[in-house]
């Protein structure tokens, strides 16, 4: 094996952008749902 191939196993795996977002899902998802429900209710009242 070459020296470059041996070095590639020592480095950390590349960071996944999805793994950075996952901890925020329990907070963001309900907030987005609340905003969506508020907007739909506002549109329904405005149209009535």
C-alpha atoms as a PDB file:
ATOM      1  CA  UNK A   1       0.000   0.000   0.000  1.00  0.00           C
ATOM      2  CA  UNK A   2       1.081   3.504  -0.623  1.00  0.00           C
ATOM      3  CA  UNK A   3       1.613   6.068   2.071  1.00  0.00           C
ATOM      4  CA  UNK A   4      -1.371   8.166   0.888  1.00  0.00           C
ATOM      5  CA  UNK A   5      -3.751   5.225   1.252  1.00  0.00           C
ATOM      6  CA  UNK A   6      -2.616   4.635   4.825  1.00  0.00           C
ATOM      7  CA  UNK A   7      -3.112   8.318   5.707  1.00  0.00           C
ATOM      8  CA  UNK A   8      -6.691   8.361   4.426  1.00  0.00           C
ATOM      9  CA  UNK A   9      -7.779   5.908   7.139  1.00  0.00           C
ATOM     10  CA  UNK A  10      -6.409   8.091   9.926  1.00  0.00           C
ATOM     11  CA  UNK A  11      -8.507  11.156   9.109  1.00  0.00           C
ATOM     12  CA  UNK A  12     -11.983  11.661  10.562  1.00  0.00           C
ATOM     13  CA  UNK A  13     -14.955  11.015   8.290  1.00  0.00           C
ATOM     14  CA  UNK A  14     -16.378  14.110   6.616  1.00  0.00           C
ATOM     15  CA  UNK A  15     -19.091  15.841   8.619  1.00  0.00           C
ATOM     16  CA  UNK A  16     -22.611  15.310   7.334  1.00  0.00           C
ATOM     17  CA  UNK A  17     -24.696  18.514   7.196  1.00  0.00           C
ATOM     18  CA  UNK A  18     -27.840  16.526   8.018  1.00  0.00           C
ATOM     19  CA  UNK A  19     -26.331  15.399  11.328  1.00  0.00           C
ATOM     20  CA  UNK A  20     -25.859  19.051  12.301  1.00  0.00           C
ATOM     21  CA  UNK A  21     -29.576  19.782  11.764  1.00  0.00           C
ATOM     22  CA  UNK A  22     -31.052  16.690  13.449  1.00  0.00           C
ATOM     23  CA  UNK A  23     -30.781  17.982  17.078  1.00  0.00           C
ATOM     24  CA  UNK A  24     -32.903  21.029  16.188  1.00  0.00           C
ATOM     25  CA  UNK A  25     -35.788  19.064  14.612  1.00  0.00           C
ATOM     26  CA  UNK A  26     -37.810  18.622  17.871  1.00  0.00           C
ATOM     27  CA  UNK A  27     -37.827  22.418  18.307  1.00  0.00           C
ATOM     28  CA  UNK A  28     -38.179  23.613  14.726  1.00  0.00           C
ATOM     29  CA  UNK A  29     -40.886  21.186  13.598  1.00  0.00           C
ATOM     30  CA  UNK A  30     -43.535  22.191  16.189  1.00  0.00           C
ATOM     31  CA  UNK A  31     -42.733  25.882  15.682  1.00  0.00           C
ATOM     32  CA  UNK A  32     -43.158  25.527  11.934  1.00  0.00           C
ATOM     33  CA  UNK A  33     -46.442  23.698  12.498  1.00  0.00           C
ATOM     34  CA  UNK A  34     -47.697  26.444  14.829  1.00  0.00           C
ATOM     35  CA  UNK A  35     -46.811  29.133  12.294  1.00  0.00           C
ATOM     36  CA  UNK A  36     -48.545  27.191   9.529  1.00  0.00           C
ATOM     37  CA  UNK A  37     -51.714  26.721  11.609  1.00  0.00           C
ATOM     38  CA  UNK A  38     -51.717  30.425  12.534  1.00  0.00           C
ATOM     39  CA  UNK A  39     -51.352  31.474   8.904  1.00  0.00           C
ATOM     40  CA  UNK A  40     -54.118  29.130   7.759  1.00  0.00           C
ATOM     41  CA  UNK A  41     -56.425  30.408  10.512  1.00  0.00           C
ATOM     42  CA  UNK A  42     -55.603  34.014   9.617  1.00  0.00           C
ATOM     43  CA  UNK A  43     -56.404  33.347   5.961  1.00  0.00           C
ATOM     44  CA  UNK A  44     -59.691  31.636   6.910  1.00  0.00           C
ATOM     45  CA  UNK A  45     -60.759  34.575   9.106  1.00  0.00           C
ATOM     46  CA  UNK A  46     -59.708  37.099   6.446  1.00  0.00           C
ATOM     47  CA  UNK A  47     -61.689  35.274   3.734  1.00  0.00           C
ATOM     48  CA  UNK A  48     -64.820  34.958   5.905  1.00  0.00           C
END
